[in-house]
PDB file of N, CA and C in Angstrom:
ATOM      1  N   MET A   1       0.830  -1.168  -0.021  1.00  0.00           N
ATOM      2  CA  MET A   1      -0.039   0.018   0.025  1.00  0.00           C
ATOM      3  C   MET A   1       0.876   1.297   0.011  1.00  0.00           C
ATOM      4  N   ALA A   2       0.643   2.132  -0.957  1.00  0.00           N
ATOM      5  CA  ALA A   2       1.521   3.402  -1.034  1.00  0.00           C
ATOM      6  C   ALA A   2       1.084   4.318   0.017  1.00  0.00           C
ATOM      7  N   THR A   3       2.061   5.108   0.495  1.00  0.00           N
ATOM      8  CA  THR A   3       1.863   6.125   1.544  1.00  0.00           C
ATOM      9  C   THR A   3       1.300   7.396   0.867  1.00  0.00           C
ATOM     10  N   LEU A   4       0.749   8.244   1.669  1.00  0.00           N
ATOM     11  CA  LEU A   4       0.177   9.451   1.156  1.00  0.00           C
ATOM     12  C   LEU A   4       1.308  10.276   0.390  1.00  0.00           C
ATOM     13  N   LYS A   5       2.497  10.247   0.941  1.00  0.00           N
ATOM     14  CA  LYS A   5       3.665  10.993   0.289  1.00  0.00           C
ATOM     15  C   LYS A   5       3.846  10.446  -1.072  1.00  0.00           C
ATOM     16  N   ASP A   6       3.841   9.039  -1.288  1.00  0.00           N
ATOM     17  CA  ASP A   6       4.057   8.471  -2.578  1.00  0.00           C
ATOM     18  C   ASP A   6       2.982   8.814  -3.561  1.00  0.00           C
ATOM     19  N   GLN A   7       1.724   8.757  -3.063  1.00  0.00           N
ATOM     20  CA  GLN A   7       0.635   9.164  -3.918  1.00  0.00           C
ATOM     21  C   GLN A   7       0.662  10.536  -4.482  1.00  0.00           C
ATOM     22  N   LEU A   8       1.094  11.502  -3.557  1.00  0.00           N
ATOM     23  CA  LEU A   8       1.232  12.846  -4.020  1.00  0.00           C
ATOM     24  C   LEU A   8       2.262  13.061  -5.027  1.00  0.00           C
ATOM     25  N   ILE A   9       3.412  12.477  -4.798  1.00  0.00           N
ATOM     26  CA  ILE A   9       4.565  12.586  -5.737  1.00  0.00           C
ATOM     27  C   ILE A   9       4.212  12.027  -7.126  1.00  0.00           C
ATOM     28  N   GLN A  10       3.586  10.825  -6.985  1.00  0.00           N
ATOM     29  CA  GLN A  10       3.196  10.175  -8.300  1.00  0.00           C
ATOM     30  C   GLN A  10       2.210  11.104  -9.202  1.00  0.00           C
ATOM     31  N   ASN A  11       1.303  11.701  -8.496  1.00  0.00           N
ATOM     32  CA  ASN A  11       0.327  12.513  -9.121  1.00  0.00           C
ATOM     33  C   ASN A  11       1.037  13.709  -9.718  1.00  0.00           C
ATOM     34  N   LEU A  12       2.018  14.276  -9.019  1.00  0.00           N
ATOM     35  CA  LEU A  12       2.708  15.435  -9.601  1.00  0.00           C
ATOM     36  C   LEU A  12       3.557  15.061 -10.800  1.00  0.00           C
ATOM     37  N   LEU A  13       4.079  13.899 -10.830  1.00  0.00           N
ATOM     38  CA  LEU A  13       4.849  13.488 -12.042  1.00  0.00           C
ATOM     39  C   LEU A  13       3.993  13.185 -13.160  1.00  0.00           C
ATOM     40  N   LYS A  14       2.761  12.712 -13.042  1.00  0.00           N
ATOM     41  CA  LYS A  14       1.871  12.453 -14.097  1.00  0.00           C
ATOM     42  C   LYS A  14       1.505  13.717 -14.901  1.00  0.00           C
ATOM     43  N   GLU A  15       1.437  14.879 -14.222  1.00  0.00           N
ATOM     44  CA  GLU A  15       0.984  16.130 -14.822  1.00  0.00           C
ATOM     45  C   GLU A  15       2.159  16.714 -15.694  1.00  0.00           C
ATOM     46  N   ASP A  16       3.374  16.212 -15.517  1.00  0.00           N
ATOM     47  CA  ASP A  16       4.479  16.751 -16.291  1.00  0.00           C
ATOM     48  C   ASP A  16       4.608  16.173 -17.696  1.00  0.00           C
ATOM     49  N   ASN A  17       3.831  15.221 -18.084  1.00  0.00           N
ATOM     50  CA  ASN A  17       3.876  14.512 -19.376  1.00  0.00           C
ATOM     51  C   ASN A  17       3.646  15.591 -20.503  1.00  0.00           C
ATOM     52  N   ILE A  18       4.365  15.316 -21.543  1.00  0.00           N
ATOM     53  CA  ILE A  18       4.143  16.099 -22.783  1.00  0.00           C
ATOM     54  C   ILE A  18       2.906  15.600 -23.490  1.00  0.00           C
ATOM     55  N   SER A  19       2.096  16.593 -24.031  1.00  0.00           N
ATOM     56  CA  SER A  19       0.778  16.225 -24.648  1.00  0.00           C
ATOM     57  C   SER A  19       1.054  15.258 -25.783  1.00  0.00           C
ATOM     58  N   GLN A  20       0.073  14.301 -25.859  1.00  0.00           N
ATOM     59  CA  GLN A  20       0.317  13.270 -26.947  1.00  0.00           C
ATOM     60  C   GLN A  20      -0.595  13.535 -28.010  1.00  0.00           C
ATOM     61  N   ASN A  21      -1.602  14.422 -27.811  1.00  0.00           N
ATOM     62  CA  ASN A  21      -2.498  14.667 -28.894  1.00  0.00           C
ATOM     63  C   ASN A  21      -2.888  16.182 -28.903  1.00  0.00           C
ATOM     64  N   LYS A  22      -2.030  16.931 -29.515  1.00  0.00           N
ATOM     65  CA  LYS A  22      -2.136  18.421 -29.460  1.00  0.00           C
ATOM     66  C   LYS A  22      -2.707  18.902 -30.821  1.00  0.00           C
ATOM     67  N   ILE A  23      -3.725  19.732 -30.808  1.00  0.00           N
ATOM     68  CA  ILE A  23      -4.350  20.367 -32.059  1.00  0.00           C
ATOM     69  C   ILE A  23      -4.220  21.719 -32.012  1.00  0.00           C
ATOM     70  N   THR A  24      -3.876  22.312 -33.096  1.00  0.00           N
ATOM     71  CA  THR A  24      -3.725  23.786 -33.285  1.00  0.00           C
ATOM     72  C   THR A  24      -4.868  24.313 -34.238  1.00  0.00           C
ATOM     73  N   VAL A  25      -5.448  25.440 -33.796  1.00  0.00           N
ATOM     74  CA  VAL A  25      -6.418  26.103 -34.658  1.00  0.00           C
ATOM     75  C   VAL A  25      -5.776  27.498 -34.958  1.00  0.00           C
ATOM     76  N   ILE A  26      -5.606  27.758 -36.249  1.00  0.00           N
ATOM     77  CA  ILE A  26      -4.985  28.996 -36.675  1.00  0.00           C
ATOM     78  C   ILE A  26      -6.157  29.923 -37.150  1.00  0.00           C
ATOM     79  N   GLY A  27      -6.372  31.002 -36.430  1.00  0.00           N
ATOM     80  CA  GLY A  27      -7.566  31.904 -36.761  1.00  0.00           C
ATOM     81  C   GLY A  27      -8.673  31.766 -35.721  1.00  0.00           C
ATOM     82  N   VAL A  28      -8.968  32.807 -35.030  1.00  0.00           N
ATOM     83  CA  VAL A  28      -9.999  32.753 -33.963  1.00  0.00           C
ATOM     84  C   VAL A  28     -11.297  33.422 -34.341  1.00  0.00           C
ATOM     85  N   GLY A  29     -11.571  33.474 -35.639  1.00  0.00           N
ATOM     86  CA  GLY A  29     -12.809  34.068 -36.028  1.00  0.00           C
ATOM     87  C   GLY A  29     -13.986  33.089 -35.719  1.00  0.00           C
ATOM     88  N   ALA A  30     -15.071  33.312 -36.408  1.00  0.00           N
ATOM     89  CA  ALA A  30     -16.283  32.444 -36.107  1.00  0.00           C
ATOM     90  C   ALA A  30     -15.998  30.981 -36.475  1.00  0.00           C
ATOM     91  N   ILE A  31     -15.332  30.719 -37.587  1.00  0.00           N
ATOM     92  CA  ILE A  31     -15.077  29.388 -37.888  1.00  0.00           C
ATOM     93  C   ILE A  31     -13.974  28.718 -37.036  1.00  0.00           C
ATOM     94  N   GLY A  32     -12.993  29.486 -36.757  1.00  0.00           N
ATOM     95  CA  GLY A  32     -12.033  28.944 -35.901  1.00  0.00           C
ATOM     96  C   GLY A  32     -12.408  28.537 -34.451  1.00  0.00           C
ATOM     97  N   MET A  33     -13.244  29.526 -33.944  1.00  0.00           N
ATOM     98  CA  MET A  33     -13.776  29.214 -32.679  1.00  0.00           C
ATOM     99  C   MET A  33     -14.794  28.014 -32.544  1.00  0.00           C
ATOM    100  N   THR A  34     -15.542  27.886 -33.662  1.00  0.00           N
ATOM    101  CA  THR A  34     -16.510  26.760 -33.892  1.00  0.00           C
ATOM    102  C   THR A  34     -15.633  25.435 -33.858  1.00  0.00           C
ATOM    103  N   CYS A  35     -14.516  25.443 -34.601  1.00  0.00           N
ATOM    104  CA  CYS A  35     -13.678  24.301 -34.567  1.00  0.00           C
ATOM    105  C   CYS A  35     -13.172  24.026 -33.133  1.00  0.00           C
ATOM    106  N   ALA A  36     -12.579  25.076 -32.516  1.00  0.00           N
ATOM    107  CA  ALA A  36     -12.046  24.832 -31.234  1.00  0.00           C
ATOM    108  C   ALA A  36     -13.026  24.341 -30.216  1.00  0.00           C
ATOM    109  N   ILE A  37     -14.243  24.822 -30.227  1.00  0.00           N
ATOM    110  CA  ILE A  37     -15.271  24.341 -29.301  1.00  0.00           C
ATOM    111  C   ILE A  37     -15.706  22.906 -29.664  1.00  0.00           C
ATOM    112  N   SER A  38     -15.748  22.557 -30.903  1.00  0.00           N
ATOM    113  CA  SER A  38     -16.042  21.177 -31.278  1.00  0.00           C
ATOM    114  C   SER A  38     -14.953  20.239 -30.872  1.00  0.00           C
ATOM    115  N   ILE A  39     -13.769  20.648 -30.955  1.00  0.00           N
ATOM    116  CA  ILE A  39     -12.657  19.770 -30.512  1.00  0.00           C
ATOM    117  C   ILE A  39     -12.658  19.537 -29.073  1.00  0.00           C
ATOM    118  N   LEU A  40     -13.000  20.559 -28.300  1.00  0.00           N
ATOM    119  CA  LEU A  40     -13.194  20.479 -26.862  1.00  0.00           C
ATOM    120  C   LEU A  40     -14.388  19.575 -26.452  1.00  0.00           C
ATOM    121  N   MET A  41     -15.458  19.774 -27.185  1.00  0.00           N
ATOM    122  CA  MET A  41     -16.780  19.006 -26.800  1.00  0.00           C
ATOM    123  C   MET A  41     -16.551  17.477 -27.113  1.00  0.00           C
ATOM    124  N   LYS A  42     -15.802  17.235 -28.181  1.00  0.00           N
ATOM    125  CA  LYS A  42     -15.627  15.727 -28.606  1.00  0.00           C
ATOM    126  C   LYS A  42     -14.447  15.181 -27.905  1.00  0.00           C
ATOM    127  N   ASP A  43     -13.646  15.995 -27.169  1.00  0.00           N
ATOM    128  CA  ASP A  43     -12.527  15.424 -26.431  1.00  0.00           C
ATOM    129  C   ASP A  43     -11.473  14.892 -27.322  1.00  0.00           C
ATOM    130  N   LEU A  44     -11.193  15.511 -28.359  1.00  0.00           N
ATOM    131  CA  LEU A  44     -10.209  15.090 -29.359  1.00  0.00           C
ATOM    132  C   LEU A  44      -8.767  15.368 -29.079  1.00  0.00           C
ATOM    133  N   ALA A  45      -8.464  16.205 -28.125  1.00  0.00           N
ATOM    134  CA  ALA A  45      -7.081  16.597 -27.813  1.00  0.00           C
ATOM    135  C   ALA A  45      -6.953  16.690 -26.385  1.00  0.00           C
ATOM    136  N   ASP A  46      -5.640  16.555 -25.990  1.00  0.00           N
ATOM    137  CA  ASP A  46      -5.342  16.800 -24.540  1.00  0.00           C
ATOM    138  C   ASP A  46      -4.648  18.125 -24.446  1.00  0.00           C
ATOM    139  N   GLU A  47      -4.448  18.814 -25.519  1.00  0.00           N
ATOM    140  CA  GLU A  47      -3.907  20.171 -25.487  1.00  0.00           C
ATOM    141  C   GLU A  47      -4.433  20.866 -26.823  1.00  0.00           C
ATOM    142  N   LEU A  48      -4.942  22.138 -26.584  1.00  0.00           N
ATOM    143  CA  LEU A  48      -5.440  22.899 -27.729  1.00  0.00           C
ATOM    144  C   LEU A  48      -4.640  24.246 -27.809  1.00  0.00           C
ATOM    145  N   ALA A  49      -4.094  24.566 -28.936  1.00  0.00           N
ATOM    146  CA  ALA A  49      -3.385  25.821 -29.194  1.00  0.00           C
ATOM    147  C   ALA A  49      -4.160  26.596 -30.201  1.00  0.00           C
ATOM    148  N   LEU A  50      -4.259  27.905 -29.893  1.00  0.00           N
ATOM    149  CA  LEU A  50      -4.783  28.877 -30.688  1.00  0.00           C
ATOM    150  C   LEU A  50      -3.728  29.955 -31.174  1.00  0.00           C
ATOM    151  N   VAL A  51      -3.913  30.285 -32.531  1.00  0.00           N
ATOM    152  CA  VAL A  51      -2.928  31.233 -32.947  1.00  0.00           C
ATOM    153  C   VAL A  51      -3.779  32.246 -33.850  1.00  0.00           C
ATOM    154  N   ASP A  52      -3.453  33.604 -33.719  1.00  0.00           N
ATOM    155  CA  ASP A  52      -4.051  34.654 -34.478  1.00  0.00           C
ATOM    156  C   ASP A  52      -3.088  35.842 -34.355  1.00  0.00           C
ATOM    157  N   VAL A  53      -3.301  36.700 -35.381  1.00  0.00           N
ATOM    158  CA  VAL A  53      -2.519  37.938 -35.411  1.00  0.00           C
ATOM    159  C   VAL A  53      -3.170  39.019 -34.612  1.00  0.00           C
ATOM    160  N   MET A  54      -4.471  38.889 -34.372  1.00  0.00           N
ATOM    161  CA  MET A  54      -5.215  39.929 -33.566  1.00  0.00           C
ATOM    162  C   MET A  54      -5.055  39.539 -32.067  1.00  0.00           C
ATOM    163  N   GLU A  55      -4.227  40.096 -31.371  1.00  0.00           N
ATOM    164  CA  GLU A  55      -3.863  39.653 -30.037  1.00  0.00           C
ATOM    165  C   GLU A  55      -5.044  39.939 -29.071  1.00  0.00           C
ATOM    166  N   ASP A  56      -5.681  40.995 -29.196  1.00  0.00           N
ATOM    167  CA  ASP A  56      -6.920  41.269 -28.315  1.00  0.00           C
ATOM    168  C   ASP A  56      -7.983  40.279 -28.451  1.00  0.00           C
ATOM    169  N   LYS A  57      -8.391  39.954 -29.649  1.00  0.00           N
ATOM    170  CA  LYS A  57      -9.337  38.918 -29.930  1.00  0.00           C
ATOM    171  C   LYS A  57      -8.980  37.596 -29.460  1.00  0.00           C
ATOM    172  N   LEU A  58      -7.678  37.316 -29.680  1.00  0.00           N
ATOM    173  CA  LEU A  58      -7.096  35.981 -29.285  1.00  0.00           C
ATOM    174  C   LEU A  58      -7.168  35.818 -27.788  1.00  0.00           C
ATOM    175  N   LYS A  59      -6.747  36.808 -27.085  1.00  0.00           N
ATOM    176  CA  LYS A  59      -6.758  36.884 -25.644  1.00  0.00           C
ATOM    177  C   LYS A  59      -8.281  36.603 -25.084  1.00  0.00           C
ATOM    178  N   GLU A  60      -9.301  37.358 -25.672  1.00  0.00           N
ATOM    179  CA  GLU A  60     -10.563  37.160 -25.133  1.00  0.00           C
ATOM    180  C   GLU A  60     -11.144  35.804 -25.445  1.00  0.00           C
ATOM    181  N   GLU A  61     -10.860  35.248 -26.645  1.00  0.00           N
ATOM    182  CA  GLU A  61     -11.334  33.884 -27.005  1.00  0.00           C
ATOM    183  C   GLU A  61     -10.719  32.798 -26.134  1.00  0.00           C
ATOM    184  N   THR A  62      -9.401  33.041 -25.961  1.00  0.00           N
ATOM    185  CA  THR A  62      -8.663  32.071 -25.091  1.00  0.00           C
ATOM    186  C   THR A  62      -9.222  32.028 -23.689  1.00  0.00           C
ATOM    187  N   MET A  63      -9.470  33.235 -23.140  1.00  0.00           N
ATOM    188  CA  MET A  63     -10.022  33.267 -21.788  1.00  0.00           C
ATOM    189  C   MET A  63     -11.446  32.725 -21.713  1.00  0.00           C
ATOM    190  N   ASP A  64     -12.277  32.920 -22.638  1.00  0.00           N
ATOM    191  CA  ASP A  64     -13.571  32.308 -22.676  1.00  0.00           C
ATOM    192  C   ASP A  64     -13.422  30.770 -22.726  1.00  0.00           C
ATOM    193  N   LEU A  65     -12.503  30.210 -23.471  1.00  0.00           N
ATOM    194  CA  LEU A  65     -12.351  28.773 -23.552  1.00  0.00           C
ATOM    195  C   LEU A  65     -11.787  28.255 -22.259  1.00  0.00           C
ATOM    196  N   GLN A  66     -10.906  28.950 -21.689  1.00  0.00           N
ATOM    197  CA  GLN A  66     -10.283  28.514 -20.374  1.00  0.00           C
ATOM    198  C   GLN A  66     -11.200  28.505 -19.269  1.00  0.00           C
ATOM    199  N   HIS A  67     -12.192  29.571 -19.317  1.00  0.00           N
ATOM    200  CA  HIS A  67     -13.287  29.565 -18.282  1.00  0.00           C
ATOM    201  C   HIS A  67     -14.263  28.487 -18.352  1.00  0.00           C
ATOM    202  N   SER A  68     -14.520  28.051 -19.736  1.00  0.00           N
ATOM    203  CA  SER A  68     -15.404  26.972 -19.890  1.00  0.00           C
ATOM    204  C   SER A  68     -14.743  25.634 -19.821  1.00  0.00           C
ATOM    205  N   SER A  69     -13.505  25.596 -19.740  1.00  0.00           N
ATOM    206  CA  SER A  69     -12.789  24.195 -19.687  1.00  0.00           C
ATOM    207  C   SER A  69     -13.078  23.402 -18.497  1.00  0.00           C
ATOM    208  N   LEU A  70     -13.715  23.953 -17.490  1.00  0.00           N
ATOM    209  CA  LEU A  70     -14.168  23.163 -16.388  1.00  0.00           C
ATOM    210  C   LEU A  70     -15.137  22.111 -16.784  1.00  0.00           C
ATOM    211  N   PHE A  71     -15.812  22.323 -17.918  1.00  0.00           N
ATOM    212  CA  PHE A  71     -16.862  21.435 -18.297  1.00  0.00           C
ATOM    213  C   PHE A  71     -16.278  20.374 -19.379  1.00  0.00           C
ATOM    214  N   PHE A  72     -15.043  20.623 -19.678  1.00  0.00           N
ATOM    215  CA  PHE A  72     -14.376  19.667 -20.769  1.00  0.00           C
ATOM    216  C   PHE A  72     -13.290  18.973 -20.062  1.00  0.00           C
ATOM    217  N   ARG A  73     -12.738  17.914 -20.816  1.00  0.00           N
ATOM    218  CA  ARG A  73     -11.593  17.135 -20.374  1.00  0.00           C
ATOM    219  C   ARG A  73     -10.203  17.643 -20.767  1.00  0.00           C
ATOM    220  N   THR A  74     -10.230  18.554 -21.763  1.00  0.00           N
ATOM    221  CA  THR A  74      -8.994  19.140 -22.262  1.00  0.00           C
ATOM    222  C   THR A  74      -8.370  20.006 -21.161  1.00  0.00           C
ATOM    223  N   PRO A  75      -7.269  19.596 -20.526  1.00  0.00           N
ATOM    224  CA  PRO A  75      -6.629  20.314 -19.379  1.00  0.00           C
ATOM    225  C   PRO A  75      -5.875  21.631 -19.764  1.00  0.00           C
ATOM    226  N   LYS A  76      -5.405  21.625 -20.987  1.00  0.00           N
ATOM    227  CA  LYS A  76      -4.483  22.719 -21.345  1.00  0.00           C
ATOM    228  C   LYS A  76      -4.928  23.453 -22.622  1.00  0.00           C
ATOM    229  N   ILE A  77      -5.154  24.712 -22.478  1.00  0.00           N
ATOM    230  CA  ILE A  77      -5.491  25.610 -23.646  1.00  0.00           C
ATOM    231  C   ILE A  77      -4.439  26.727 -23.755  1.00  0.00           C
ATOM    232  N   VAL A  78      -3.641  26.795 -24.739  1.00  0.00           N
ATOM    233  CA  VAL A  78      -2.632  27.831 -24.902  1.00  0.00           C
ATOM    234  C   VAL A  78      -2.931  28.582 -26.168  1.00  0.00           C
ATOM    235  N   SER A  79      -2.318  29.836 -26.143  1.00  0.00           N
ATOM    236  CA  SER A  79      -2.555  30.737 -27.265  1.00  0.00           C
ATOM    237  C   SER A  79      -1.373  31.652 -27.490  1.00  0.00           C
ATOM    238  N   GLY A  80      -1.285  32.176 -28.662  1.00  0.00           N
ATOM    239  CA  GLY A  80      -0.285  33.178 -28.887  1.00  0.00           C
ATOM    240  C   GLY A  80      -0.211  33.587 -30.358  1.00  0.00           C
ATOM    241  N   LYS A  81       0.422  34.799 -30.537  1.00  0.00           N
ATOM    242  CA  LYS A  81       0.565  35.309 -31.864  1.00  0.00           C
ATOM    243  C   LYS A  81       1.735  34.659 -32.597  1.00  0.00           C
ATOM    244  N   ASP A  82       2.699  34.071 -31.816  1.00  0.00           N
ATOM    245  CA  ASP A  82       3.867  33.449 -32.321  1.00  0.00           C
ATOM    246  C   ASP A  82       3.501  31.903 -32.604  1.00  0.00           C
ATOM    247  N   TYR A  83       3.976  31.423 -33.643  1.00  0.00           N
ATOM    248  CA  TYR A  83       3.702  30.006 -34.012  1.00  0.00           C
ATOM    249  C   TYR A  83       4.446  29.032 -33.020  1.00  0.00           C
ATOM    250  N   ASN A  84       5.295  29.371 -32.085  1.00  0.00           N
ATOM    251  CA  ASN A  84       5.972  28.504 -31.204  1.00  0.00           C
ATOM    252  C   ASN A  84       4.960  27.742 -30.371  1.00  0.00           C
ATOM    253  N   VAL A  85       3.754  28.306 -30.115  1.00  0.00           N
ATOM    254  CA  VAL A  85       2.807  27.568 -29.247  1.00  0.00           C
ATOM    255  C   VAL A  85       2.190  26.356 -29.986  1.00  0.00           C
ATOM    256  N   THR A  86       2.492  26.192 -31.297  1.00  0.00           N
ATOM    257  CA  THR A  86       1.966  25.049 -32.058  1.00  0.00           C
ATOM    258  C   THR A  86       3.001  23.933 -32.059  1.00  0.00           C
ATOM    259  N   ALA A  87       4.087  23.978 -31.344  1.00  0.00           N
ATOM    260  CA  ALA A  87       5.092  22.865 -31.343  1.00  0.00           C
ATOM    261  C   ALA A  87       4.470  21.621 -30.863  1.00  0.00           C
ATOM    262  N   ASN A  88       4.887  20.575 -31.441  1.00  0.00           N
ATOM    263  CA  ASN A  88       4.395  19.083 -31.205  1.00  0.00           C
ATOM    264  C   ASN A  88       2.906  18.937 -31.489  1.00  0.00           C
ATOM    265  N   SER A  89       2.337  19.798 -32.307  1.00  0.00           N
ATOM    266  CA  SER A  89       0.857  19.505 -32.747  1.00  0.00           C
ATOM    267  C   SER A  89       0.733  18.426 -33.665  1.00  0.00           C
ATOM    268  N   LYS A  90      -0.235  17.525 -33.508  1.00  0.00           N
ATOM    269  CA  LYS A  90      -0.490  16.518 -34.418  1.00  0.00           C
ATOM    270  C   LYS A  90      -1.330  16.942 -35.536  1.00  0.00           C
ATOM    271  N   LEU A  91      -2.049  17.995 -35.433  1.00  0.00           N
ATOM    272  CA  LEU A  91      -2.881  18.508 -36.393  1.00  0.00           C
ATOM    273  C   LEU A  91      -3.032  19.989 -36.324  1.00  0.00           C
ATOM    274  N   ALA A  92      -3.056  20.616 -37.540  1.00  0.00           N
ATOM    275  CA  ALA A  92      -3.236  22.151 -37.535  1.00  0.00           C
ATOM    276  C   ALA A  92      -4.393  22.472 -38.408  1.00  0.00           C
ATOM    277  N   ILE A  93      -5.340  23.224 -37.937  1.00  0.00           N
ATOM    278  CA  ILE A  93      -6.521  23.566 -38.680  1.00  0.00           C
ATOM    279  C   ILE A  93      -6.403  25.082 -38.961  1.00  0.00           C
ATOM    280  N   ILE A  94      -6.368  25.451 -40.303  1.00  0.00           N
ATOM    281  CA  ILE A  94      -6.170  26.809 -40.654  1.00  0.00           C
ATOM    282  C   ILE A  94      -7.489  27.358 -41.164  1.00  0.00           C
ATOM    283  N   THR A  95      -7.932  28.277 -40.258  1.00  0.00           N
ATOM    284  CA  THR A  95      -9.207  28.916 -40.549  1.00  0.00           C
ATOM    285  C   THR A  95      -9.023  30.433 -40.888  1.00  0.00           C
ATOM    286  N   ALA A  96      -7.844  30.879 -40.791  1.00  0.00           N
ATOM    287  CA  ALA A  96      -7.597  32.271 -41.019  1.00  0.00           C
ATOM    288  C   ALA A  96      -7.670  32.579 -42.538  1.00  0.00           C
ATOM    289  N   GLY A  97      -8.198  33.750 -42.876  1.00  0.00           N
ATOM    290  CA  GLY A  97      -8.260  34.067 -44.233  1.00  0.00           C
ATOM    291  C   GLY A  97      -8.062  35.656 -44.414  1.00  0.00           C
ATOM    292  N   ALA A  98      -8.245  36.058 -45.606  1.00  0.00           N
ATOM    293  CA  ALA A  98      -8.149  37.467 -45.926  1.00  0.00           C
ATOM    294  C   ALA A  98      -9.198  38.297 -45.186  1.00  0.00           C
ATOM    295  N   CYS A  99      -8.895  39.491 -44.788  1.00  0.00           N
ATOM    296  CA  CYS A  99      -9.891  40.345 -44.190  1.00  0.00           C
ATOM    297  C   CYS A  99     -10.978  40.710 -45.132  1.00  0.00           C
ATOM    298  N   GLN A 100     -12.164  40.527 -44.661  1.00  0.00           N
ATOM    299  CA  GLN A 100     -13.343  40.910 -45.487  1.00  0.00           C
ATOM    300  C   GLN A 100     -13.735  42.319 -45.342  1.00  0.00           C
ATOM    301  N   ARG A 101     -13.796  42.999 -46.546  1.00  0.00           N
ATOM    302  CA  ARG A 101     -14.239  44.408 -46.379  1.00  0.00           C
ATOM    303  C   ARG A 101     -15.812  44.493 -46.494  1.00  0.00           C
ATOM    304  N   PRO A 102     -16.300  45.576 -46.102  1.00  0.00           N
ATOM    305  CA  PRO A 102     -17.777  45.691 -46.259  1.00  0.00           C
ATOM    306  C   PRO A 102     -18.309  45.518 -47.626  1.00  0.00           C
ATOM    307  N   LYS A 103     -19.330  44.967 -47.824  1.00  0.00           N
ATOM    308  CA  LYS A 103     -20.109  44.671 -49.154  1.00  0.00           C
ATOM    309  C   LYS A 103     -19.252  43.744 -50.043  1.00  0.00           C
ATOM    310  N   VAL A 104     -18.394  42.920 -49.542  1.00  0.00           N
ATOM    311  CA  VAL A 104     -17.625  42.027 -50.360  1.00  0.00           C
ATOM    312  C   VAL A 104     -18.244  40.601 -49.987  1.00  0.00           C
ATOM    313  N   THR A 105     -18.703  39.985 -51.110  1.00  0.00           N
ATOM    314  CA  THR A 105     -19.299  38.610 -50.856  1.00  0.00           C
ATOM    315  C   THR A 105     -18.160  37.521 -50.753  1.00  0.00           C
ATOM    316  N   GLY A 106     -18.677  36.422 -50.241  1.00  0.00           N
ATOM    317  CA  GLY A 106     -17.678  35.242 -50.032  1.00  0.00           C
ATOM    318  C   GLY A 106     -17.173  34.858 -51.372  1.00  0.00           C
ATOM    319  N   ILE A 107     -18.035  34.879 -52.400  1.00  0.00           N
ATOM    320  CA  ILE A 107     -17.525  34.445 -53.844  1.00  0.00           C
ATOM    321  C   ILE A 107     -16.486  35.283 -54.362  1.00  0.00           C
ATOM    322  N   CYS A 108     -16.585  36.688 -54.096  1.00  0.00           N
ATOM    323  CA  CYS A 108     -15.516  37.628 -54.468  1.00  0.00           C
ATOM    324  C   CYS A 108     -14.224  37.367 -53.731  1.00  0.00           C
ATOM    325  N   LEU A 109     -14.328  37.035 -52.451  1.00  0.00           N
ATOM    326  CA  LEU A 109     -13.086  36.654 -51.634  1.00  0.00           C
ATOM    327  C   LEU A 109     -12.459  35.430 -52.193  1.00  0.00           C
ATOM    328  N   ILE A 110     -13.276  34.406 -52.573  1.00  0.00           N
ATOM    329  CA  ILE A 110     -12.754  33.114 -53.143  1.00  0.00           C
ATOM    330  C   ILE A 110     -11.852  33.537 -54.351  1.00  0.00           C
ATOM    331  N   CYS A 111     -12.602  34.182 -55.300  1.00  0.00           N
ATOM    332  CA  CYS A 111     -12.016  34.590 -56.598  1.00  0.00           C
ATOM    333  C   CYS A 111     -10.711  35.332 -56.432  1.00  0.00           C
ATOM    334  N   SER A 112     -10.683  36.309 -55.523  1.00  0.00           N
ATOM    335  CA  SER A 112      -9.508  37.160 -55.357  1.00  0.00           C
ATOM    336  C   SER A 112      -8.363  36.236 -54.727  1.00  0.00           C
ATOM    337  N   SER A 113      -8.743  35.271 -53.964  1.00  0.00           N
ATOM    338  CA  SER A 113      -7.732  34.286 -53.401  1.00  0.00           C
ATOM    339  C   SER A 113      -7.167  33.357 -54.440  1.00  0.00           C
ATOM    340  N   LEU A 114      -7.982  32.912 -55.329  1.00  0.00           N
ATOM    341  CA  LEU A 114      -7.577  32.017 -56.375  1.00  0.00           C
ATOM    342  C   LEU A 114      -6.737  32.659 -57.422  1.00  0.00           C
ATOM    343  N   LEU A 115      -7.008  33.984 -57.668  1.00  0.00           N
ATOM    344  CA  LEU A 115      -6.228  34.624 -58.703  1.00  0.00           C
ATOM    345  C   LEU A 115      -4.874  35.093 -58.412  1.00  0.00           C
ATOM    346  N   LYS A 116      -4.581  35.067 -57.119  1.00  0.00           N
ATOM    347  CA  LYS A 116      -3.240  35.475 -56.627  1.00  0.00           C
ATOM    348  C   LYS A 116      -2.205  34.455 -56.930  1.00  0.00           C
TER     349      LYS A 116
END
């Protein structure tokens, strides 16, 4: 039978493991956040990384996910403008796109992206 001290030390060592199933979502717009929430709800990753160039929106969305993480099994949610947070990711989902101007349809955006 393990002592209380052994049980506590063992639990601390388990938390130091490197994530085995990390997923990155690039872009925290409507589609990116829908992907992130779906990943959390389906328990597909043990770590979720978010990347975006808009730091304010990234911080807000990350805090929202971290506050709601009490209801999910994903213990670690990280974010950053720098792509270093994506290290060791098994999957990267790119949802970032060109900035959409007012009165520009999705078809026009697709055409402009394809013609470049």
